[in-house]
């Protein structure tokens, strides 16, 4: 890398030398840069509109207290063939925080998707020991929640 730096310095020295031959003053350039930096820059505060134009409202308006609960409890919906078959009969599967309780999970799903939760089943998956290229490691454990909804209620995930 040092070879590249030396080359750049030589290029800048060559440019300065050619500028001096042409009668241009290099010192003026340095002074003008210093003036630009030393002058105070006025910052104008622009207020942004709270509503963005051109985007449709999805209809999912959640109060702040419930929004923090949702973000603390639900991680993501789980998607697989078995889960898709279970969705046809009204059972939805989510990956949730390890510290989440059944009541918190039910409240978070009800407030986010505007549905009635009938039952919550929870499965804890522990970490598994694995080997990769001769090195020992482990997978991360997680908690899965299977949520049964009232008949007629549906969650549109995608």
N, C-alpha and C. Protein backbone atom coordinates (compact mmCIF):
# COMPACT_ATOMS: atom_id res chain seq x y z
N UNK A 1 0.81 -1.20 0.00
CA UNK A 1 0.00 0.00 0.00
C UNK A 1 0.85 1.26 0.00
N UNK A 2 2.03 1.18 0.61
CA UNK A 2 2.86 2.38 0.69
C UNK A 2 3.29 2.83 -0.71
N UNK A 3 3.42 1.88 -1.63
CA UNK A 3 3.79 2.25 -3.00
C UNK A 3 2.69 3.09 -3.63
N UNK A 4 1.45 2.79 -3.31
CA UNK A 4 0.34 3.57 -3.87
C UNK A 4 0.32 4.97 -3.29
N UNK A 5 0.65 5.09 -2.02
CA UNK A 5 0.64 6.41 -1.40
C UNK A 5 1.75 7.28 -1.97
N UNK A 6 2.90 6.71 -2.20
CA UNK A 6 4.00 7.49 -2.76
C UNK A 6 3.65 7.99 -4.15
N UNK A 7 2.97 7.15 -4.91
CA UNK A 7 2.60 7.53 -6.26
C UNK A 7 1.62 8.69 -6.24
N UNK A 8 0.67 8.66 -5.30
CA UNK A 8 -0.31 9.74 -5.19
C UNK A 8 0.37 11.05 -4.82
N UNK A 9 1.35 11.00 -3.92
CA UNK A 9 2.06 12.20 -3.53
C UNK A 9 2.84 12.78 -4.71
N UNK A 10 3.44 11.91 -5.52
CA UNK A 10 4.17 12.38 -6.70
C UNK A 10 3.21 13.03 -7.69
N UNK A 11 2.02 12.45 -7.85
CA UNK A 11 1.04 13.03 -8.76
C UNK A 11 0.62 14.41 -8.30
N UNK A 12 0.39 14.58 -7.01
CA UNK A 12 -0.02 15.89 -6.49
C UNK A 12 1.11 16.90 -6.63
N UNK A 13 2.38 16.46 -6.45
CA UNK A 13 3.51 17.37 -6.62
C UNK A 13 3.65 17.76 -8.08
N UNK A 14 3.42 16.83 -9.00
CA UNK A 14 3.49 17.13 -10.43
C UNK A 14 2.43 18.15 -10.82
N UNK A 15 1.24 18.01 -10.26
CA UNK A 15 0.15 18.94 -10.56
C UNK A 15 0.48 20.34 -10.06
N UNK A 16 1.05 20.42 -8.85
CA UNK A 16 1.43 21.72 -8.29
C UNK A 16 2.51 22.37 -9.14
N UNK A 17 3.46 21.58 -9.58
CA UNK A 17 4.55 22.12 -10.39
C UNK A 17 4.01 22.64 -11.72
N UNK A 18 3.09 21.90 -12.34
CA UNK A 18 2.54 22.36 -13.61
C UNK A 18 1.67 23.59 -13.40
N UNK A 19 1.00 23.69 -12.25
CA UNK A 19 0.18 24.86 -11.97
C UNK A 19 1.05 26.10 -11.79
N UNK A 20 2.25 25.93 -11.16
CA UNK A 20 3.16 27.06 -10.98
C UNK A 20 3.70 27.53 -12.32
N UNK A 21 3.95 26.58 -13.23
CA UNK A 21 4.45 26.96 -14.55
C UNK A 21 3.40 27.76 -15.32
N UNK A 22 2.12 27.40 -15.16
CA UNK A 22 1.04 28.08 -15.86
C UNK A 22 0.74 29.45 -15.26
N UNK A 23 1.32 29.76 -14.11
CA UNK A 23 1.11 31.06 -13.49
C UNK A 23 0.02 31.03 -12.43
N UNK A 24 -0.60 29.91 -12.22
CA UNK A 24 -1.63 29.81 -11.19
C UNK A 24 -0.96 29.69 -9.83
N UNK A 25 -1.61 30.20 -8.84
CA UNK A 25 -1.06 30.18 -7.50
C UNK A 25 -1.75 29.08 -6.71
N UNK A 26 -0.97 28.15 -6.21
CA UNK A 26 -1.51 27.02 -5.47
C UNK A 26 -1.94 27.46 -4.08
N UNK A 27 -1.27 28.41 -3.49
CA UNK A 27 -1.58 28.87 -2.14
C UNK A 27 -3.00 29.43 -2.06
N UNK A 28 -3.47 30.07 -3.14
CA UNK A 28 -4.83 30.62 -3.15
C UNK A 28 -5.86 29.51 -2.99
N UNK A 29 -5.61 28.37 -3.58
CA UNK A 29 -6.54 27.24 -3.47
C UNK A 29 -6.65 26.79 -2.02
N UNK A 30 -5.50 26.71 -1.35
CA UNK A 30 -5.50 26.27 0.04
C UNK A 30 -6.24 27.28 0.92
N UNK A 31 -6.06 28.58 0.66
CA UNK A 31 -6.72 29.61 1.45
C UNK A 31 -8.23 29.58 1.22
N UNK A 32 -8.65 29.35 -0.04
CA UNK A 32 -10.08 29.33 -0.32
C UNK A 32 -10.75 28.14 0.38
N UNK A 33 -10.05 27.01 0.45
CA UNK A 33 -10.59 25.85 1.18
C UNK A 33 -10.71 26.17 2.66
N UNK A 34 -9.72 26.87 3.21
CA UNK A 34 -9.75 27.23 4.62
C UNK A 34 -10.90 28.19 4.91
N UNK A 35 -11.16 29.12 4.00
CA UNK A 35 -12.26 30.06 4.18
C UNK A 35 -13.59 29.33 4.18
N UNK A 36 -13.74 28.37 3.29
CA UNK A 36 -14.99 27.63 3.22
C UNK A 36 -15.25 26.86 4.50
N UNK A 37 -14.23 26.32 5.09
CA UNK A 37 -14.39 25.53 6.30
C UNK A 37 -14.68 26.43 7.49
N UNK A 38 -14.00 27.59 7.56
CA UNK A 38 -14.13 28.43 8.73
C UNK A 38 -15.46 29.19 8.77
N UNK A 39 -16.12 29.39 7.64
CA UNK A 39 -17.38 30.11 7.62
C UNK A 39 -18.47 29.25 8.24
N UNK A 40 -19.31 29.85 9.12
CA UNK A 40 -20.39 29.06 9.73
C UNK A 40 -21.45 28.71 8.69
N UNK A 41 -21.90 27.51 8.77
CA UNK A 41 -22.91 27.03 7.85
C UNK A 41 -24.26 27.13 8.54
N UNK A 42 -25.21 27.78 7.88
CA UNK A 42 -26.54 27.92 8.45
C UNK A 42 -27.33 26.65 8.18
N UNK A 43 -27.87 26.11 9.24
CA UNK A 43 -28.67 24.90 9.10
C UNK A 43 -30.14 25.29 9.14
N UNK A 44 -30.87 24.85 8.16
CA UNK A 44 -32.29 25.13 8.14
C UNK A 44 -33.02 23.87 8.55
N UNK A 45 -33.89 24.02 9.48
CA UNK A 45 -34.67 22.88 9.96
C UNK A 45 -35.90 22.72 9.09
N UNK A 46 -35.96 21.60 8.42
CA UNK A 46 -37.10 21.32 7.56
C UNK A 46 -38.03 20.37 8.30
N UNK A 47 -39.27 20.73 8.34
CA UNK A 47 -40.25 19.86 8.98
C UNK A 47 -40.78 18.90 7.94
N UNK A 48 -40.74 17.64 8.29
CA UNK A 48 -41.24 16.62 7.39
C UNK A 48 -42.71 16.37 7.68
N UNK A 49 -43.45 16.12 6.62
CA UNK A 49 -44.85 15.79 6.80
C UNK A 49 -44.96 14.44 7.46
N UNK A 50 -45.91 14.33 8.40
CA UNK A 50 -46.07 13.06 9.10
C UNK A 50 -46.66 11.99 8.20
N UNK A 51 -47.43 12.40 7.21
CA UNK A 51 -48.00 11.43 6.28
C UNK A 51 -47.19 11.43 4.99
N UNK A 52 -46.81 10.27 4.55
CA UNK A 52 -46.07 10.16 3.30
C UNK A 52 -47.08 10.06 2.16
N UNK A 53 -46.83 10.81 1.12
CA UNK A 53 -47.75 10.82 0.00
C UNK A 53 -47.53 9.60 -0.88
N UNK A 54 -48.59 9.06 -1.41
CA UNK A 54 -48.50 7.96 -2.35
C UNK A 54 -48.52 6.58 -1.72
N UNK A 55 -48.49 6.48 -0.40
CA UNK A 55 -48.52 5.18 0.24
C UNK A 55 -49.87 4.96 0.88
N UNK A 56 -50.39 3.76 0.72
CA UNK A 56 -51.69 3.44 1.28
C UNK A 56 -51.53 3.00 2.74
N UNK A 57 -52.55 3.28 3.53
CA UNK A 57 -52.56 2.86 4.92
C UNK A 57 -52.96 1.39 4.98
N UNK A 58 -52.20 0.59 5.71
CA UNK A 58 -52.45 -0.84 5.78
C UNK A 58 -53.58 -1.18 6.75
N UNK A 59 -54.00 -0.22 7.57
CA UNK A 59 -55.08 -0.47 8.50
C UNK A 59 -54.63 -1.08 9.81
N UNK A 60 -53.34 -1.27 10.02
CA UNK A 60 -52.82 -1.83 11.25
C UNK A 60 -52.31 -0.69 12.14
N UNK A 61 -53.23 -0.08 12.89
CA UNK A 61 -52.85 0.99 13.79
C UNK A 61 -52.86 0.44 15.20
N UNK A 62 -51.72 0.50 15.86
CA UNK A 62 -51.55 -0.09 17.18
C UNK A 62 -51.08 0.99 18.14
N UNK A 63 -51.68 1.09 19.34
CA UNK A 63 -51.19 2.05 20.33
C UNK A 63 -49.75 1.74 20.73
N UNK A 64 -49.05 2.75 21.24
CA UNK A 64 -47.63 2.59 21.55
C UNK A 64 -47.37 1.54 22.62
N UNK A 65 -48.25 1.46 23.65
CA UNK A 65 -48.03 0.48 24.71
C UNK A 65 -48.08 -0.93 24.16
N UNK A 66 -49.06 -1.18 23.29
CA UNK A 66 -49.19 -2.51 22.71
C UNK A 66 -48.11 -2.77 21.67
N UNK A 67 -47.66 -1.71 20.99
CA UNK A 67 -46.61 -1.86 19.98
C UNK A 67 -45.31 -2.33 20.62
N UNK A 68 -44.99 -1.80 21.80
CA UNK A 68 -43.78 -2.26 22.47
C UNK A 68 -43.92 -3.70 22.92
N UNK A 69 -45.13 -4.08 23.36
CA UNK A 69 -45.37 -5.47 23.75
C UNK A 69 -45.21 -6.40 22.55
N UNK A 70 -45.75 -5.99 21.42
CA UNK A 70 -45.66 -6.80 20.20
C UNK A 70 -44.20 -6.98 19.81
N UNK A 71 -43.43 -5.90 19.83
CA UNK A 71 -42.01 -5.98 19.45
C UNK A 71 -41.20 -6.80 20.43
N UNK A 72 -41.59 -6.83 21.68
CA UNK A 72 -40.87 -7.61 22.67
C UNK A 72 -41.22 -9.09 22.61
N UNK A 73 -42.44 -9.42 22.14
CA UNK A 73 -42.92 -10.80 22.19
C UNK A 73 -42.72 -11.52 20.86
N UNK A 74 -43.32 -11.03 19.79
CA UNK A 74 -43.29 -11.72 18.50
C UNK A 74 -42.00 -11.43 17.75
N UNK A 75 -41.37 -12.46 17.24
CA UNK A 75 -40.16 -12.29 16.43
C UNK A 75 -40.53 -12.36 14.95
N UNK A 76 -41.13 -13.49 14.53
CA UNK A 76 -41.53 -13.63 13.13
C UNK A 76 -42.48 -14.81 13.00
N UNK A 77 -43.31 -14.82 11.96
CA UNK A 77 -44.12 -16.01 11.70
C UNK A 77 -43.26 -17.09 11.08
N UNK A 78 -43.56 -18.34 11.44
CA UNK A 78 -42.80 -19.45 10.88
C UNK A 78 -43.52 -19.97 9.64
N UNK A 79 -42.75 -20.33 8.63
CA UNK A 79 -43.32 -20.76 7.36
C UNK A 79 -42.71 -22.10 6.96
N UNK A 80 -43.58 -23.11 6.79
CA UNK A 80 -43.17 -24.42 6.30
C UNK A 80 -44.43 -25.09 5.75
N UNK A 81 -44.27 -26.27 5.18
CA UNK A 81 -45.43 -26.97 4.63
C UNK A 81 -46.41 -27.35 5.72
N UNK A 82 -45.91 -27.85 6.83
CA UNK A 82 -46.78 -28.26 7.93
C UNK A 82 -47.54 -27.06 8.51
N UNK A 83 -46.86 -25.93 8.61
CA UNK A 83 -47.49 -24.72 9.14
C UNK A 83 -48.59 -24.24 8.19
N UNK A 84 -48.35 -24.32 6.90
CA UNK A 84 -49.35 -23.89 5.92
C UNK A 84 -50.60 -24.77 5.99
N UNK A 85 -50.42 -26.05 6.20
CA UNK A 85 -51.58 -26.94 6.35
C UNK A 85 -52.35 -26.62 7.62
N UNK A 86 -51.63 -26.29 8.68
CA UNK A 86 -52.28 -25.95 9.95
C UNK A 86 -53.02 -24.62 9.85
N UNK A 87 -52.56 -23.70 8.99
CA UNK A 87 -53.24 -22.41 8.83
C UNK A 87 -54.62 -22.59 8.23
N UNK A 88 -54.83 -23.64 7.44
CA UNK A 88 -56.14 -23.88 6.84
C UNK A 88 -57.19 -24.19 7.90
N UNK A 89 -56.76 -24.76 9.04
CA UNK A 89 -57.72 -25.06 10.11
C UNK A 89 -57.67 -24.01 11.23
N UNK A 90 -56.94 -22.91 11.01
CA UNK A 90 -56.95 -21.80 11.95
C UNK A 90 -55.85 -21.82 13.00
N UNK A 91 -54.76 -22.53 12.74
CA UNK A 91 -53.62 -22.54 13.67
C UNK A 91 -52.43 -21.87 13.01
N UNK A 92 -51.91 -20.84 13.67
CA UNK A 92 -50.79 -20.08 13.13
C UNK A 92 -49.59 -20.23 14.06
N UNK A 93 -48.40 -20.29 13.47
CA UNK A 93 -47.18 -20.54 14.24
C UNK A 93 -46.26 -19.33 14.15
N UNK A 94 -45.75 -18.90 15.32
CA UNK A 94 -44.85 -17.76 15.41
C UNK A 94 -43.63 -18.15 16.22
N UNK A 95 -42.50 -17.56 15.88
CA UNK A 95 -41.31 -17.65 16.71
C UNK A 95 -41.41 -16.48 17.69
N UNK A 96 -41.27 -16.77 18.98
CA UNK A 96 -41.43 -15.73 20.01
C UNK A 96 -40.20 -15.69 20.91
N UNK A 97 -40.12 -14.66 21.74
CA UNK A 97 -39.01 -14.52 22.68
C UNK A 97 -39.06 -15.64 23.72
N UNK A 98 -37.92 -16.01 24.23
CA UNK A 98 -37.83 -17.08 25.22
C UNK A 98 -38.54 -16.70 26.52
N UNK A 99 -38.62 -15.42 26.83
CA UNK A 99 -39.22 -14.98 28.09
C UNK A 99 -40.72 -14.72 27.97
N UNK A 100 -41.30 -14.89 26.79
CA UNK A 100 -42.72 -14.57 26.57
C UNK A 100 -43.62 -15.61 27.22
N UNK A 101 -44.73 -15.12 27.80
CA UNK A 101 -45.72 -16.02 28.39
C UNK A 101 -46.88 -16.19 27.42
N UNK A 102 -47.76 -17.16 27.70
CA UNK A 102 -48.90 -17.41 26.83
C UNK A 102 -49.83 -16.21 26.77
N UNK A 103 -50.05 -15.55 27.91
CA UNK A 103 -50.93 -14.38 27.95
C UNK A 103 -50.36 -13.24 27.12
N UNK A 104 -49.06 -13.00 27.21
CA UNK A 104 -48.43 -11.94 26.43
C UNK A 104 -48.51 -12.24 24.94
N UNK A 105 -48.31 -13.50 24.57
CA UNK A 105 -48.38 -13.89 23.16
C UNK A 105 -49.78 -13.67 22.62
N UNK A 106 -50.79 -14.10 23.38
CA UNK A 106 -52.19 -13.94 22.96
C UNK A 106 -52.53 -12.47 22.80
N UNK A 107 -52.12 -11.64 23.75
CA UNK A 107 -52.42 -10.21 23.70
C UNK A 107 -51.74 -9.55 22.50
N UNK A 108 -50.49 -9.94 22.24
CA UNK A 108 -49.74 -9.35 21.12
C UNK A 108 -50.39 -9.71 19.78
N UNK A 109 -50.80 -10.97 19.60
CA UNK A 109 -51.42 -11.38 18.34
C UNK A 109 -52.78 -10.72 18.17
N UNK A 110 -53.57 -10.65 19.24
CA UNK A 110 -54.89 -10.00 19.16
C UNK A 110 -54.77 -8.53 18.80
N UNK A 111 -53.82 -7.82 19.40
CA UNK A 111 -53.69 -6.39 19.13
C UNK A 111 -53.08 -6.10 17.76
N UNK A 112 -52.21 -6.96 17.28
CA UNK A 112 -51.58 -6.72 15.99
C UNK A 112 -52.49 -7.08 14.83
N UNK A 113 -53.13 -8.24 14.89
CA UNK A 113 -53.90 -8.73 13.74
C UNK A 113 -55.41 -8.57 13.90
N UNK A 114 -55.89 -8.02 15.01
CA UNK A 114 -57.32 -7.79 15.25
C UNK A 114 -58.13 -9.08 15.10
N UNK A 115 -57.71 -10.15 15.78
CA UNK A 115 -58.38 -11.43 15.77
C UNK A 115 -58.62 -11.87 17.22
N UNK A 116 -59.42 -12.92 17.38
CA UNK A 116 -59.67 -13.47 18.71
C UNK A 116 -58.88 -14.76 18.88
N UNK A 117 -58.01 -14.79 19.86
CA UNK A 117 -57.18 -15.96 20.12
C UNK A 117 -57.95 -16.90 21.05
N UNK A 118 -58.11 -18.15 20.64
CA UNK A 118 -58.82 -19.14 21.43
C UNK A 118 -57.86 -19.91 22.33
N UNK A 119 -56.67 -20.24 21.82
CA UNK A 119 -55.75 -21.08 22.57
C UNK A 119 -54.31 -20.81 22.12
N UNK A 120 -53.36 -20.92 23.07
CA UNK A 120 -51.95 -20.74 22.76
C UNK A 120 -51.18 -21.94 23.29
N UNK A 121 -50.48 -22.63 22.42
CA UNK A 121 -49.58 -23.73 22.81
C UNK A 121 -48.14 -23.27 22.59
N UNK A 122 -47.26 -23.61 23.51
CA UNK A 122 -45.88 -23.16 23.44
C UNK A 122 -44.95 -24.36 23.46
N UNK A 123 -43.93 -24.33 22.58
CA UNK A 123 -42.92 -25.39 22.51
C UNK A 123 -41.55 -24.73 22.63
N UNK A 124 -40.76 -25.20 23.59
CA UNK A 124 -39.39 -24.70 23.77
C UNK A 124 -38.41 -25.62 23.06
N UNK A 125 -37.60 -25.05 22.19
CA UNK A 125 -36.55 -25.82 21.52
C UNK A 125 -35.21 -25.38 22.10
N UNK A 126 -34.50 -26.32 22.68
CA UNK A 126 -33.20 -26.02 23.26
C UNK A 126 -32.11 -25.96 22.21
N UNK A 127 -30.97 -25.47 22.60
CA UNK A 127 -29.82 -25.40 21.69
C UNK A 127 -29.30 -26.80 21.43
N UNK A 128 -28.82 -27.05 20.22
CA UNK A 128 -28.27 -28.35 19.85
C UNK A 128 -26.78 -28.22 19.61
N UNK A 129 -26.03 -29.22 20.07
CA UNK A 129 -24.58 -29.22 19.83
C UNK A 129 -24.31 -29.69 18.41
N UNK A 130 -23.50 -28.96 17.69
CA UNK A 130 -23.16 -29.28 16.30
C UNK A 130 -21.65 -29.21 16.13
N UNK A 131 -21.18 -29.87 15.06
CA UNK A 131 -19.78 -29.75 14.68
C UNK A 131 -19.71 -29.26 13.24
N UNK A 132 -18.83 -28.31 13.00
CA UNK A 132 -18.65 -27.76 11.66
C UNK A 132 -17.16 -27.65 11.39
N UNK A 133 -16.69 -28.40 10.41
CA UNK A 133 -15.26 -28.42 10.05
C UNK A 133 -14.38 -28.75 11.25
N UNK A 134 -14.83 -29.68 12.07
CA UNK A 134 -14.04 -30.14 13.20
C UNK A 134 -14.11 -29.26 14.43
N UNK A 135 -14.89 -28.17 14.36
CA UNK A 135 -15.02 -27.28 15.52
C UNK A 135 -16.38 -27.47 16.16
N UNK A 136 -16.40 -27.48 17.48
CA UNK A 136 -17.66 -27.64 18.20
C UNK A 136 -18.37 -26.30 18.31
N UNK A 137 -19.67 -26.38 18.20
CA UNK A 137 -20.50 -25.19 18.34
C UNK A 137 -21.90 -25.60 18.73
N UNK A 138 -22.81 -24.65 18.78
CA UNK A 138 -24.18 -24.99 19.10
C UNK A 138 -25.13 -24.05 18.37
N UNK A 139 -26.32 -24.57 18.08
CA UNK A 139 -27.35 -23.74 17.48
C UNK A 139 -28.05 -22.96 18.58
N UNK A 140 -28.76 -21.95 18.20
CA UNK A 140 -29.45 -21.13 19.17
C UNK A 140 -30.82 -21.74 19.46
N UNK A 141 -31.21 -21.79 20.71
CA UNK A 141 -32.52 -22.29 21.08
C UNK A 141 -33.58 -21.23 20.82
N UNK A 142 -34.84 -21.66 20.68
CA UNK A 142 -35.92 -20.71 20.46
C UNK A 142 -37.22 -21.25 21.03
N UNK A 143 -38.23 -20.38 21.04
CA UNK A 143 -39.55 -20.75 21.54
C UNK A 143 -40.54 -20.56 20.40
N UNK A 144 -41.39 -21.55 20.21
CA UNK A 144 -42.38 -21.52 19.14
C UNK A 144 -43.77 -21.50 19.77
N UNK A 145 -44.63 -20.61 19.27
CA UNK A 145 -46.00 -20.53 19.77
C UNK A 145 -46.96 -20.92 18.66
N UNK A 146 -47.86 -21.88 18.96
CA UNK A 146 -48.90 -22.28 18.01
C UNK A 146 -50.20 -21.68 18.52
N UNK A 147 -50.79 -20.80 17.72
CA UNK A 147 -51.94 -20.02 18.14
C UNK A 147 -53.18 -20.49 17.40
N UNK A 148 -54.21 -20.89 18.15
CA UNK A 148 -55.48 -21.29 17.56
C UNK A 148 -56.42 -20.10 17.61
N UNK A 149 -57.05 -19.78 16.49
CA UNK A 149 -57.95 -18.65 16.41
C UNK A 149 -59.40 -19.10 16.45
N UNK A 150 -60.27 -18.15 16.77
CA UNK A 150 -61.71 -18.40 16.74
C UNK A 150 -62.10 -18.71 15.31
N UNK A 151 -63.10 -19.58 15.14
CA UNK A 151 -63.54 -19.95 13.79
C UNK A 151 -63.98 -18.71 13.02
N UNK A 152 -63.53 -18.64 11.78
CA UNK A 152 -63.87 -17.50 10.93
C UNK A 152 -62.79 -16.42 10.90
N UNK A 153 -61.93 -16.36 11.92
CA UNK A 153 -60.84 -15.38 11.93
C UNK A 153 -59.67 -15.91 11.12
N UNK A 154 -59.02 -14.99 10.40
CA UNK A 154 -57.85 -15.36 9.59
C UNK A 154 -56.80 -14.27 9.72
N UNK A 155 -55.55 -14.67 9.61
CA UNK A 155 -54.44 -13.75 9.60
C UNK A 155 -53.82 -13.79 8.21
N UNK A 156 -53.70 -12.61 7.59
CA UNK A 156 -53.06 -12.55 6.29
C UNK A 156 -51.59 -12.19 6.51
N UNK A 157 -50.71 -13.20 6.41
CA UNK A 157 -49.28 -13.00 6.64
C UNK A 157 -48.57 -12.45 5.42
N UNK A 158 -48.98 -12.87 4.23
CA UNK A 158 -48.37 -12.39 3.00
C UNK A 158 -49.34 -12.40 1.88
